[in-house]
Amino acid sequence: VQLVESRGGPVQAGGSVRLSCRASGFSFADYAIGWFRQAPGKEREGLACVAAGDSGRYYEDTVKGRFTISADSAKSTVYLQMNDLKADDTAVYYCPADVVPIDPYSPTSNSPRRFHYAYWGQGTRVSVSA
């Protein structure tokens, strides 16, 4: 399994960035793929995830409405569109993948930060300046 994030980079507050995560070594039909981030001096936090087969998309409240996760199975790529960026969004962003226990009948229970993943990308830094 290999996950490769695109380059993040610097961005001004209020701006937008789209990260991509190209996956290989597994089928989109079998694995969920998420986005996490780790800010300086803070613990890693889950942000969003797309269920296996793109059967559902889930967000933490902290980014709901600003961040959008999407998947293109033909390109084996998952995206994270981030809008209205703030200084607090400065972090290293990671995309992990694994089989996770998503409950399609209880969407509100599928909090991305709850899931544990075995496979992780190398991370990409996004720096938001005021």
Protein backbone atom coordinates (compact mmCIF):
# COMPACT_ATOMS: atom_id res chain seq x y z
CA VAL A 1 0.00 0.00 0.00
CA GLN A 2 1.33 3.41 -0.93
CA LEU A 3 -0.21 6.83 -0.37
CA VAL A 4 1.38 9.96 -1.79
CA GLU A 5 0.09 13.42 -0.92
CA SER A 6 0.53 16.38 -3.22
CA ARG A 7 2.56 19.36 -2.16
CA GLY A 8 0.76 21.79 0.09
CA GLY A 9 2.70 25.01 0.47
CA PRO A 10 2.07 28.49 1.73
CA VAL A 11 -1.30 30.16 1.41
CA GLN A 12 -2.78 33.37 2.70
CA ALA A 13 -5.59 33.41 5.23
CA GLY A 14 -8.94 33.26 3.48
CA GLY A 15 -7.43 31.39 0.56
CA SER A 16 -7.97 27.84 -0.70
CA VAL A 17 -5.86 24.78 -1.31
CA ARG A 18 -6.70 21.40 -2.78
CA LEU A 19 -4.63 18.47 -1.57
CA SER A 20 -4.59 15.17 -3.37
CA CYS A 21 -3.67 11.70 -2.21
CA ARG A 22 -2.76 9.16 -4.84
CA ALA A 23 -3.24 5.60 -3.67
CA SER A 24 -1.85 2.31 -4.92
CA GLY A 25 -1.66 -1.27 -3.76
CA PHE A 26 -5.30 -1.65 -2.80
CA SER A 27 -8.78 -1.25 -4.16
CA PHE A 28 -10.93 1.80 -3.45
CA ALA A 29 -13.78 -0.65 -3.03
CA ASP A 30 -12.13 -2.18 0.04
CA TYR A 31 -10.46 0.63 1.99
CA ALA A 32 -11.61 3.88 3.55
CA ILE A 33 -9.32 6.85 3.05
CA GLY A 34 -9.10 9.75 5.45
CA TRP A 35 -7.41 13.08 5.98
CA PHE A 36 -5.67 13.95 9.24
CA ARG A 37 -3.48 16.84 10.25
CA GLN A 38 -0.97 17.62 12.95
CA ALA A 39 -0.30 21.19 13.91
CA PRO A 40 2.93 22.20 15.67
CA GLY A 41 2.79 21.18 19.32
CA LYS A 42 -0.58 19.47 18.95
CA GLU A 43 -1.87 15.94 18.60
CA ARG A 44 -2.83 14.56 15.26
CA GLU A 45 -6.53 15.06 14.51
CA GLY A 46 -8.88 13.44 12.05
CA LEU A 47 -10.68 15.75 9.65
CA ALA A 48 -12.62 13.78 7.08
CA CYS A 49 -12.91 10.39 5.47
CA VAL A 50 -14.45 8.70 2.50
CA ALA A 51 -15.84 5.22 3.02
CA ALA A 52 -14.80 2.25 0.93
CA GLY A 53 -16.24 2.50 -2.55
CA ASP A 54 -17.02 6.17 -1.91
CA SER A 55 -20.18 5.01 -0.20
CA GLY A 56 -20.16 7.87 2.27
CA ARG A 57 -18.21 10.97 3.27
CA TYR A 58 -17.79 12.15 6.82
CA TYR A 59 -16.40 15.25 8.50
CA GLU A 60 -15.45 16.51 11.90
CA ASP A 61 -17.42 19.56 12.97
CA THR A 62 -14.22 21.61 13.08
CA VAL A 63 -13.95 21.56 9.28
CA LYS A 64 -17.51 20.86 8.12
CA GLY A 65 -18.58 23.49 5.62
CA ARG A 66 -15.02 24.60 4.84
CA PHE A 67 -13.36 21.34 3.79
CA THR A 68 -14.66 18.89 1.20
CA ILE A 69 -13.38 15.38 0.64
CA SER A 70 -13.88 13.69 -2.71
CA ALA A 71 -12.65 10.62 -4.52
CA ASP A 72 -11.86 9.70 -8.09
CA SER A 73 -11.59 5.93 -8.26
CA ALA A 74 -10.47 6.00 -11.90
CA LYS A 75 -7.41 7.98 -10.82
CA SER A 76 -7.07 6.21 -7.46
CA THR A 77 -6.99 9.64 -5.88
CA VAL A 78 -8.71 11.29 -2.95
CA TYR A 79 -8.87 15.06 -2.64
CA LEU A 80 -9.30 17.51 0.20
CA GLN A 81 -10.55 20.92 -0.89
CA MET A 82 -9.86 23.44 1.86
CA ASN A 83 -11.50 26.85 1.70
CA ASP A 84 -11.44 29.97 3.85
CA LEU A 85 -8.19 28.87 5.42
CA LYS A 86 -7.16 30.22 8.79
CA ALA A 87 -3.87 30.40 10.62
CA ASP A 88 -5.06 27.50 12.82
CA ASP A 89 -5.17 25.30 9.70
CA THR A 90 -1.38 25.41 9.51
CA ALA A 91 -0.29 21.80 9.89
CA VAL A 92 1.14 18.75 8.21
CA TYR A 93 -1.69 16.96 6.42
CA TYR A 94 -1.76 13.19 6.02
CA CYS A 95 -3.93 10.74 4.14
CA PRO A 96 -4.28 7.27 5.64
CA ALA A 97 -6.10 4.21 4.39
CA ASP A 98 -7.42 1.01 5.91
CA VAL A 99 -10.53 -1.04 6.53
CA VAL A 100 -12.45 0.94 9.16
CA PRO A 101 -15.80 0.22 10.88
CA ILE A 102 -18.04 2.75 9.15
CA ASP A 103 -21.72 2.28 9.94
CA PRO A 104 -23.78 3.39 6.94
CA TYR A 105 -26.97 3.30 9.05
CA SER A 106 -25.63 5.68 11.68
CA PRO A 107 -23.86 8.51 9.85
CA THR A 108 -23.47 10.66 12.95
CA SER A 109 -21.41 7.93 14.63
CA ASN A 110 -18.79 7.94 11.86
CA SER A 111 -16.47 10.52 13.36
CA PRO A 112 -13.26 10.56 11.30
CA ARG A 113 -11.07 11.03 14.37
CA ARG A 114 -12.30 7.68 15.77
CA PHE A 115 -10.85 5.56 13.03
CA HIS A 116 -7.44 3.93 13.17
CA TYR A 117 -5.46 3.39 10.01
CA ALA A 118 -2.51 1.12 9.30
CA TYR A 119 -1.26 2.86 6.15
CA TRP A 120 -0.18 6.49 5.99
CA GLY A 121 1.27 8.88 3.47
CA GLN A 122 4.39 10.91 4.19
CA GLY A 123 2.46 14.09 4.89
CA THR A 124 2.45 17.50 3.26
CA ARG A 125 2.80 20.86 4.96
CA VAL A 126 0.29 23.66 4.59
CA SER A 127 1.24 27.01 6.08
CA VAL A 128 -1.45 29.68 6.35
CA SER A 129 -0.24 33.22 6.87
CA ALA A 130 -2.34 36.12 8.13
